[in-house]
Amino acid sequence: MINLENKNIILTGATGGIGNAIVDTLVSLKANLIVTGTNEKKLEELKSKHQSIIPLKQDISDHANLESFIDKCNEKLNGRIDILINNAGITKDNLTIRMDKEEWSKVIDLNLTSTFLLSKYAIKKMLKKKYGKIINITSVVGHTGNLGQANYSASKGGVSSMSKSLSLEYAKKNIIINCIAPGFIETAMTEKINEDYKNQLKSKIPLDRFGTPQDIANCSAFLCSDLSNYITGQTIHVNGGMYFS
């Protein structure tokens, strides 16, 4: 039985489909949760649903303010950040020859650089307690590539490789870093895909269905828990069998 009572957790990208499911699951397991996003209305809706959470509006692409953001989280969590879940991400899809530098840079800056900086500042806090966990939500396309997603694939592949390096650097300090790589999950993002392409994708999934946000939330809960304390530097693929690492 997973119990996250007294675990202090920061979750970015809390207002999306996967983020919502992670919030619901971690709250049900009694975690203390700071949730972030840029949509104030959706953050308020989360707060009305879960009175125990602390919502903080934060644009994580604003790199200059990320250290102060982590400082603020640390204060609100009584000086102890146990777990950081880097879930926030964006896409700006285009074929490579049509992709401009802004489309490339915005995705890399938010998905990869923001994840690096948030991890860096959180690790500084965790080192003082000689304990911490970071869970980075990546993507199957960071391992397989995908048409029109050179920027997104590069950002998510970069997060996976970066996480391995961080895990090696801080394992002796009892700081554990892992990734979850979702496959195709039923969210607002996948709703934009046309039906023919959806059927093509589904035909490549041995379980013959897309995943749900709850599938990612379940894996997140496991990695947050003490049941995963001997796992670090790994990417757990939650994709219905469409890709094996």
C-alpha atoms as a PDB file:
ATOM      1  CA  MET A   1       0.000   0.000   0.000  1.00  0.00           C
ATOM      2  CA  ILE A   2       1.486   3.330  -1.073  1.00  0.00           C
ATOM      3  CA  ASN A   3       1.268   6.072   1.531  1.00  0.00           C
ATOM      4  CA  LEU A   4       2.796   9.487   0.864  1.00  0.00           C
ATOM      5  CA  GLU A   5       1.809  11.064   4.160  1.00  0.00           C
ATOM      6  CA  ASN A   6       4.258  13.837   5.138  1.00  0.00           C
ATOM      7  CA  LYS A   7       5.952  13.781   1.711  1.00  0.00           C
ATOM      8  CA  ASN A   8       6.449  17.341   0.426  1.00  0.00           C
ATOM      9  CA  ILE A   9       6.040  17.418  -3.352  1.00  0.00           C
ATOM     10  CA  ILE A  10       6.248  20.104  -6.064  1.00  0.00           C
ATOM     11  CA  LEU A  11       4.410  19.366  -9.305  1.00  0.00           C
ATOM     12  CA  THR A  12       4.779  21.532 -12.412  1.00  0.00           C
ATOM     13  CA  GLY A  13       2.252  21.456 -15.232  1.00  0.00           C
ATOM     14  CA  ALA A  14      -0.505  20.604 -12.787  1.00  0.00           C
ATOM     15  CA  THR A  15      -3.425  21.959 -14.810  1.00  0.00           C
ATOM     16  CA  GLY A  16      -3.196  19.636 -17.832  1.00  0.00           C
ATOM     17  CA  GLY A  17      -4.738  16.184 -18.174  1.00  0.00           C
ATOM     18  CA  ILE A  18      -1.754  14.244 -16.824  1.00  0.00           C
ATOM     19  CA  GLY A  19      -1.121  16.904 -14.188  1.00  0.00           C
ATOM     20  CA  ASN A  20      -4.719  16.711 -12.937  1.00  0.00           C
ATOM     21  CA  ALA A  21      -4.497  12.939 -12.579  1.00  0.00           C
ATOM     22  CA  ILE A  22      -1.210  13.194 -10.685  1.00  0.00           C
ATOM     23  CA  VAL A  23      -2.711  15.785  -8.327  1.00  0.00           C
ATOM     24  CA  ASP A  24      -5.781  13.621  -7.625  1.00  0.00           C
ATOM     25  CA  THR A  25      -3.633  10.566  -6.967  1.00  0.00           C
ATOM     26  CA  LEU A  26      -1.007  12.204  -4.751  1.00  0.00           C
ATOM     27  CA  VAL A  27      -3.649  14.005  -2.684  1.00  0.00           C
ATOM     28  CA  SER A  28      -5.488  10.711  -2.185  1.00  0.00           C
ATOM     29  CA  LEU A  29      -2.217   9.279  -0.857  1.00  0.00           C
ATOM     30  CA  LYS A  30      -1.941  12.160   1.665  1.00  0.00           C
ATOM     31  CA  ALA A  31       1.017  14.015   0.131  1.00  0.00           C
ATOM     32  CA  ASN A  32       1.646  17.700   0.835  1.00  0.00           C
ATOM     33  CA  LEU A  33       1.496  19.251  -2.602  1.00  0.00           C
ATOM     34  CA  ILE A  34       2.514  22.504  -4.266  1.00  0.00           C
ATOM     35  CA  VAL A  35       1.048  22.677  -7.768  1.00  0.00           C
ATOM     36  CA  THR A  36       2.114  25.111 -10.469  1.00  0.00           C
ATOM     37  CA  GLY A  37       0.902  26.294 -13.833  1.00  0.00           C
ATOM     38  CA  THR A  38       0.237  29.477 -15.781  1.00  0.00           C
ATOM     39  CA  ASN A  39      -3.570  29.244 -15.935  1.00  0.00           C
ATOM     40  CA  GLU A  40      -4.817  30.945 -12.778  1.00  0.00           C
ATOM     41  CA  LYS A  41      -8.426  29.858 -13.300  1.00  0.00           C
ATOM     42  CA  LYS A  42      -7.464  26.187 -13.569  1.00  0.00           C
ATOM     43  CA  LEU A  43      -5.258  26.479 -10.503  1.00  0.00           C
ATOM     44  CA  GLU A  44      -8.224  27.897  -8.588  1.00  0.00           C
ATOM     45  CA  GLU A  45     -10.369  24.992  -9.781  1.00  0.00           C
ATOM     46  CA  LEU A  46      -7.771  22.550  -8.475  1.00  0.00           C
ATOM     47  CA  LYS A  47      -7.705  24.364  -5.137  1.00  0.00           C
ATOM     48  CA  SER A  48     -11.502  24.221  -4.853  1.00  0.00           C
ATOM     49  CA  LYS A  49     -11.337  20.484  -5.528  1.00  0.00           C
ATOM     50  CA  HIS A  50      -8.444  19.802  -3.137  1.00  0.00           C
ATOM     51  CA  GLN A  51      -8.310  22.223  -0.213  1.00  0.00           C
ATOM     52  CA  SER A  52      -5.018  20.816   1.047  1.00  0.00           C
ATOM     53  CA  ILE A  53      -2.901  21.758  -1.985  1.00  0.00           C
ATOM     54  CA  ILE A  54      -0.911  24.981  -2.390  1.00  0.00           C
ATOM     55  CA  PRO A  55      -1.332  26.466  -5.887  1.00  0.00           C
ATOM     56  CA  LEU A  56       1.374  28.816  -7.181  1.00  0.00           C
ATOM     57  CA  LYS A  57       1.135  30.528 -10.534  1.00  0.00           C
ATOM     58  CA  GLN A  58       4.551  30.286 -12.176  1.00  0.00           C
ATOM     59  CA  ASP A  59       5.784  30.513 -15.760  1.00  0.00           C
ATOM     60  CA  ILE A  60       8.699  28.095 -15.745  1.00  0.00           C
ATOM     61  CA  SER A  61      10.013  29.547 -19.004  1.00  0.00           C
ATOM     62  CA  ASP A  62      10.933  32.611 -16.914  1.00  0.00           C
ATOM     63  CA  HIS A  63      14.359  31.246 -16.077  1.00  0.00           C
ATOM     64  CA  ALA A  64      15.528  34.282 -14.121  1.00  0.00           C
ATOM     65  CA  ASN A  65      12.911  33.660 -11.429  1.00  0.00           C
ATOM     66  CA  LEU A  66      13.130  29.894 -11.034  1.00  0.00           C
ATOM     67  CA  GLU A  67      15.584  29.952  -8.134  1.00  0.00           C
ATOM     68  CA  SER A  68      13.351  32.327  -6.185  1.00  0.00           C
ATOM     69  CA  PHE A  69      10.383  30.111  -7.068  1.00  0.00           C
ATOM     70  CA  ILE A  70      12.111  27.080  -5.530  1.00  0.00           C
ATOM     71  CA  ASP A  71      13.023  29.211  -2.510  1.00  0.00           C
ATOM     72  CA  LYS A  72       9.350  30.142  -2.105  1.00  0.00           C
ATOM     73  CA  CYS A  73       8.295  26.490  -2.389  1.00  0.00           C
ATOM     74  CA  ASN A  74      10.896  25.512   0.188  1.00  0.00           C
ATOM     75  CA  GLU A  75       9.514  28.093   2.625  1.00  0.00           C
ATOM     76  CA  LYS A  76       5.930  26.951   2.115  1.00  0.00           C
ATOM     77  CA  LEU A  77       7.010  23.346   2.681  1.00  0.00           C
ATOM     78  CA  ASN A  78       8.710  24.216   5.986  1.00  0.00           C
ATOM     79  CA  GLY A  79      12.222  23.949   4.621  1.00  0.00           C
ATOM     80  CA  ARG A  80      11.930  20.473   3.139  1.00  0.00           C
ATOM     81  CA  ILE A  81      11.403  19.627  -0.531  1.00  0.00           C
ATOM     82  CA  ASP A  82      11.188  15.855  -0.752  1.00  0.00           C
ATOM     83  CA  ILE A  83      10.135  15.401  -4.372  1.00  0.00           C
ATOM     84  CA  LEU A  84      10.042  17.482  -7.544  1.00  0.00           C
ATOM     85  CA  ILE A  85       7.933  16.258 -10.466  1.00  0.00           C
ATOM     86  CA  ASN A  86       8.802  18.074 -13.693  1.00  0.00           C
ATOM     87  CA  ASN A  87       5.657  17.537 -15.727  1.00  0.00           C
ATOM     88  CA  ALA A  88       5.219  20.847 -17.583  1.00  0.00           C
ATOM     89  CA  GLY A  89       5.898  20.777 -21.307  1.00  0.00           C
ATOM     90  CA  ILE A  90       4.873  22.292 -24.621  1.00  0.00           C
ATOM     91  CA  THR A  91       4.816  21.317 -28.293  1.00  0.00           C
ATOM     92  CA  LYS A  92       5.284  23.460 -31.379  1.00  0.00           C
ATOM     93  CA  ASP A  93       5.144  20.912 -34.186  1.00  0.00           C
ATOM     94  CA  ASN A  94       6.388  21.505 -37.703  1.00  0.00           C
ATOM     95  CA  LEU A  95       8.367  19.717 -40.372  1.00  0.00           C
ATOM     96  CA  THR A  96      12.067  20.442 -39.955  1.00  0.00           C
ATOM     97  CA  ILE A  97      12.500  22.545 -43.101  1.00  0.00           C
ATOM     98  CA  ARG A  98       9.558  24.717 -42.009  1.00  0.00           C
ATOM     99  CA  MET A  99      10.446  24.925 -38.321  1.00  0.00           C
ATOM    100  CA  ASP A 100      11.807  28.336 -37.422  1.00  0.00           C
ATOM    101  CA  LYS A 101      14.315  29.029 -34.659  1.00  0.00           C
ATOM    102  CA  GLU A 102      11.624  30.366 -32.323  1.00  0.00           C
ATOM    103  CA  GLU A 103       9.626  27.118 -32.574  1.00  0.00           C
ATOM    104  CA  TRP A 104      12.817  25.193 -31.827  1.00  0.00           C
ATOM    105  CA  SER A 105      14.011  27.434 -28.993  1.00  0.00           C
ATOM    106  CA  LYS A 106      10.713  27.755 -27.113  1.00  0.00           C
ATOM    107  CA  VAL A 107      10.313  23.978 -26.852  1.00  0.00           C
ATOM    108  CA  ILE A 108      13.946  23.378 -25.863  1.00  0.00           C
ATOM    109  CA  ASP A 109      13.931  26.274 -23.386  1.00  0.00           C
ATOM    110  CA  LEU A 110      10.817  25.126 -21.529  1.00  0.00           C
ATOM    111  CA  ASN A 111      10.977  21.343 -21.808  1.00  0.00           C
ATOM    112  CA  LEU A 112      14.718  20.912 -21.288  1.00  0.00           C
ATOM    113  CA  THR A 113      16.315  24.053 -19.869  1.00  0.00           C
ATOM    114  CA  SER A 114      13.540  24.775 -17.361  1.00  0.00           C
ATOM    115  CA  THR A 115      13.659  21.152 -16.201  1.00  0.00           C
ATOM    116  CA  PHE A 116      17.422  21.426 -15.740  1.00  0.00           C
ATOM    117  CA  LEU A 117      17.178  24.650 -13.740  1.00  0.00           C
ATOM    118  CA  LEU A 118      14.309  23.490 -11.520  1.00  0.00           C
ATOM    119  CA  SER A 119      16.218  20.268 -10.837  1.00  0.00           C
ATOM    120  CA  LYS A 120      19.420  22.180 -10.075  1.00  0.00           C
ATOM    121  CA  TYR A 121      17.773  24.509  -7.560  1.00  0.00           C
ATOM    122  CA  ALA A 122      15.750  21.697  -5.959  1.00  0.00           C
ATOM    123  CA  ILE A 123      18.870  19.539  -5.600  1.00  0.00           C
ATOM    124  CA  LYS A 124      20.577  22.367  -3.702  1.00  0.00           C
ATOM    125  CA  LYS A 125      17.778  22.178  -1.132  1.00  0.00           C
ATOM    126  CA  MET A 126      17.752  18.374  -1.073  1.00  0.00           C
ATOM    127  CA  LEU A 127      21.489  18.177  -0.418  1.00  0.00           C
ATOM    128  CA  LYS A 128      20.981  19.842   2.963  1.00  0.00           C
ATOM    129  CA  LYS A 129      18.605  17.030   3.990  1.00  0.00           C
ATOM    130  CA  LYS A 130      20.567  14.272   2.220  1.00  0.00           C
ATOM    131  CA  TYR A 131      17.333  13.077   0.657  1.00  0.00           C
ATOM    132  CA  GLY A 132      15.242  13.835  -2.385  1.00  0.00           C
ATOM    133  CA  LYS A 133      13.608  12.543  -5.518  1.00  0.00           C
ATOM    134  CA  ILE A 134      13.142  14.069  -8.943  1.00  0.00           C
ATOM    135  CA  ILE A 135      10.708  12.587 -11.442  1.00  0.00           C
ATOM    136  CA  ASN A 136      10.888  13.921 -14.978  1.00  0.00           C
ATOM    137  CA  ILE A 137       7.988  13.289 -17.342  1.00  0.00           C
ATOM    138  CA  THR A 138       9.511  12.739 -20.778  1.00  0.00           C
ATOM    139  CA  SER A 139       7.935  11.013 -23.801  1.00  0.00           C
ATOM    140  CA  VAL A 140       8.216   7.930 -25.958  1.00  0.00           C
ATOM    141  CA  VAL A 141       9.128  10.215 -28.879  1.00  0.00           C
ATOM    142  CA  GLY A 142      12.274  11.207 -27.011  1.00  0.00           C
ATOM    143  CA  HIS A 143      13.415   7.651 -27.770  1.00  0.00           C
ATOM    144  CA  THR A 144      11.736   6.905 -31.102  1.00  0.00           C
ATOM    145  CA  GLY A 145      11.511  10.338 -32.741  1.00  0.00           C
ATOM    146  CA  ASN A 146       8.328  11.495 -34.465  1.00  0.00           C
ATOM    147  CA  LEU A 147       7.341  13.266 -37.657  1.00  0.00           C
ATOM    148  CA  GLY A 148       7.176  17.022 -37.202  1.00  0.00           C
ATOM    149  CA  GLN A 149       8.584  16.897 -33.685  1.00  0.00           C
ATOM    150  CA  ALA A 150      12.341  17.348 -34.031  1.00  0.00           C
ATOM    151  CA  ASN A 151      12.229  20.013 -31.306  1.00  0.00           C
ATOM    152  CA  TYR A 152       9.988  18.064 -28.920  1.00  0.00           C
ATOM    153  CA  SER A 153      11.872  14.792 -29.460  1.00  0.00           C
ATOM    154  CA  ALA A 154      15.192  16.520 -28.836  1.00  0.00           C
ATOM    155  CA  SER A 155      13.899  18.182 -25.664  1.00  0.00           C
ATOM    156  CA  LYS A 156      12.507  14.977 -24.189  1.00  0.00           C
ATOM    157  CA  GLY A 157      15.492  12.876 -25.232  1.00  0.00           C
ATOM    158  CA  GLY A 158      17.681  15.510 -23.616  1.00  0.00           C
ATOM    159  CA  VAL A 159      15.749  15.299 -20.348  1.00  0.00           C
ATOM    160  CA  SER A 160      16.218  11.525 -20.285  1.00  0.00           C
ATOM    161  CA  SER A 161      19.991  11.755 -20.850  1.00  0.00           C
ATOM    162  CA  MET A 162      20.338  14.644 -18.405  1.00  0.00           C
ATOM    163  CA  SER A 163      18.493  12.650 -15.741  1.00  0.00           C
ATOM    164  CA  LYS A 164      21.025   9.828 -16.034  1.00  0.00           C
ATOM    165  CA  SER A 165      23.870  12.279 -15.435  1.00  0.00           C
ATOM    166  CA  LEU A 166      22.119  13.862 -12.448  1.00  0.00           C
ATOM    167  CA  SER A 167      21.413  10.450 -10.950  1.00  0.00           C
ATOM    168  CA  LEU A 168      25.117   9.565 -11.142  1.00  0.00           C
ATOM    169  CA  GLU A 169      26.169  12.881  -9.610  1.00  0.00           C
ATOM    170  CA  TYR A 170      23.862  12.725  -6.591  1.00  0.00           C
ATOM    171  CA  ALA A 171      23.171   9.055  -5.825  1.00  0.00           C
ATOM    172  CA  LYS A 172      25.709   9.084  -2.972  1.00  0.00           C
ATOM    173  CA  LYS A 173      23.768  11.974  -1.446  1.00  0.00           C
ATOM    174  CA  ASN A 174      20.600   9.847  -1.452  1.00  0.00           C
ATOM    175  CA  ILE A 175      18.983  11.893  -4.233  1.00  0.00           C
ATOM    176  CA  ILE A 176      17.132   9.698  -6.696  1.00  0.00           C
ATOM    177  CA  ILE A 177      16.309  10.826 -10.233  1.00  0.00           C
ATOM    178  CA  ASN A 178      14.122   8.923 -12.699  1.00  0.00           C
ATOM    179  CA  CYS A 179      11.959   9.545 -15.756  1.00  0.00           C
ATOM    180  CA  ILE A 180       8.538   8.404 -16.873  1.00  0.00           C
ATOM    181  CA  ALA A 181       8.129   8.231 -20.646  1.00  0.00           C
ATOM    182  CA  PRO A 182       4.428   8.193 -21.553  1.00  0.00           C
ATOM    183  CA  GLY A 183       3.350   6.750 -24.865  1.00  0.00           C
ATOM    184  CA  PHE A 184       0.218   8.114 -26.498  1.00  0.00           C
ATOM    185  CA  ILE A 185      -2.057   9.214 -23.675  1.00  0.00           C
ATOM    186  CA  GLU A 186      -5.669  10.381 -24.002  1.00  0.00           C
ATOM    187  CA  THR A 187      -5.277  14.116 -23.318  1.00  0.00           C
ATOM    188  CA  ALA A 188      -6.188  17.403 -24.990  1.00  0.00           C
ATOM    189  CA  MET A 189      -2.906  17.110 -26.897  1.00  0.00           C
ATOM    190  CA  THR A 190      -3.799  13.765 -28.503  1.00  0.00           C
ATOM    191  CA  GLU A 191      -7.370  14.898 -29.206  1.00  0.00           C
ATOM    192  CA  LYS A 192      -5.938  17.139 -31.932  1.00  0.00           C
ATOM    193  CA  ILE A 193      -4.700  14.123 -33.907  1.00  0.00           C
ATOM    194  CA  ASN A 194      -6.973  13.143 -36.813  1.00  0.00           C
ATOM    195  CA  GLU A 195      -8.769   9.792 -36.618  1.00  0.00           C
ATOM    196  CA  ASP A 196      -6.851   8.084 -39.445  1.00  0.00           C
ATOM    197  CA  TYR A 197      -3.528   8.845 -37.785  1.00  0.00           C
ATOM    198  CA  LYS A 198      -4.919   7.801 -34.396  1.00  0.00           C
ATOM    199  CA  ASN A 199      -5.848   4.418 -35.854  1.00  0.00           C
ATOM    200  CA  GLN A 200      -2.373   4.068 -37.353  1.00  0.00           C
ATOM    201  CA  LEU A 201      -0.834   4.797 -33.969  1.00  0.00           C
ATOM    202  CA  LYS A 202      -3.141   2.405 -32.155  1.00  0.00           C
ATOM    203  CA  SER A 203      -2.200  -0.397 -34.552  1.00  0.00           C
ATOM    204  CA  LYS A 204       1.381  -0.115 -33.260  1.00  0.00           C
ATOM    205  CA  ILE A 205       0.349  -0.523 -29.611  1.00  0.00           C
ATOM    206  CA  PRO A 206       0.217  -4.192 -28.519  1.00  0.00           C
ATOM    207  CA  LEU A 207      -2.362  -3.404 -25.820  1.00  0.00           C
ATOM    208  CA  ASP A 208      -4.538  -1.900 -28.607  1.00  0.00           C
ATOM    209  CA  ARG A 209      -5.465   1.273 -26.742  1.00  0.00           C
ATOM    210  CA  PHE A 210      -4.090   4.650 -25.799  1.00  0.00           C
ATOM    211  CA  GLY A 211      -3.048   5.155 -22.202  1.00  0.00           C
ATOM    212  CA  THR A 212      -4.892   7.314 -19.700  1.00  0.00           C
ATOM    213  CA  PRO A 213      -3.537  10.085 -17.469  1.00  0.00           C
ATOM    214  CA  GLN A 214      -4.190   7.756 -14.538  1.00  0.00           C
ATOM    215  CA  ASP A 215      -1.612   5.308 -15.927  1.00  0.00           C
ATOM    216  CA  ILE A 216       1.030   8.042 -15.602  1.00  0.00           C
ATOM    217  CA  ALA A 217      -0.262   9.107 -12.188  1.00  0.00           C
ATOM    218  CA  ASN A 218       0.043   5.519 -10.902  1.00  0.00           C
ATOM    219  CA  CYS A 219       3.674   5.319 -11.999  1.00  0.00           C
ATOM    220  CA  SER A 220       4.357   8.737 -10.460  1.00  0.00           C
ATOM    221  CA  ALA A 221       2.924   7.584  -7.139  1.00  0.00           C
ATOM    222  CA  PHE A 222       5.181   4.519  -7.173  1.00  0.00           C
ATOM    223  CA  LEU A 223       8.294   6.587  -7.882  1.00  0.00           C
ATOM    224  CA  CYS A 224       7.333   9.065  -5.140  1.00  0.00           C
ATOM    225  CA  SER A 225       6.981   6.242  -2.628  1.00  0.00           C
ATOM    226  CA  ASP A 226       9.619   4.413  -0.604  1.00  0.00           C
ATOM    227  CA  LEU A 227       8.916   1.328  -2.723  1.00  0.00           C
ATOM    228  CA  SER A 228      11.170   2.844  -5.414  1.00  0.00           C
ATOM    229  CA  ASN A 229      14.107   3.767  -3.187  1.00  0.00           C
ATOM    230  CA  TYR A 230      16.574   1.458  -4.999  1.00  0.00           C
ATOM    231  CA  ILE A 231      15.703   2.718  -8.489  1.00  0.00           C
ATOM    232  CA  THR A 232      17.650   5.635  -9.961  1.00  0.00           C
ATOM    233  CA  GLY A 233      18.781   6.787 -13.395  1.00  0.00           C
ATOM    234  CA  GLN A 234      15.972   4.869 -15.071  1.00  0.00           C
ATOM    235  CA  THR A 235      13.251   5.685 -17.568  1.00  0.00           C
ATOM    236  CA  ILE A 236      10.026   3.783 -17.013  1.00  0.00           C
ATOM    237  CA  HIS A 237       8.129   3.444 -20.288  1.00  0.00           C
ATOM    238  CA  VAL A 238       4.353   3.606 -19.916  1.00  0.00           C
ATOM    239  CA  ASN A 239       3.252   3.005 -23.487  1.00  0.00           C
ATOM    240  CA  GLY A 240       1.221  -0.187 -23.822  1.00  0.00           C
ATOM    241  CA  GLY A 241       4.190  -2.019 -25.366  1.00  0.00           C
ATOM    242  CA  MET A 242       4.694   0.212 -28.406  1.00  0.00           C
ATOM    243  CA  TYR A 243       8.353   0.739 -27.546  1.00  0.00           C
ATOM    244  CA  PHE A 244      10.832  -1.373 -25.561  1.00  0.00           C
ATOM    245  CA  SER A 245      14.024   0.252 -24.272  1.00  0.00           C
END
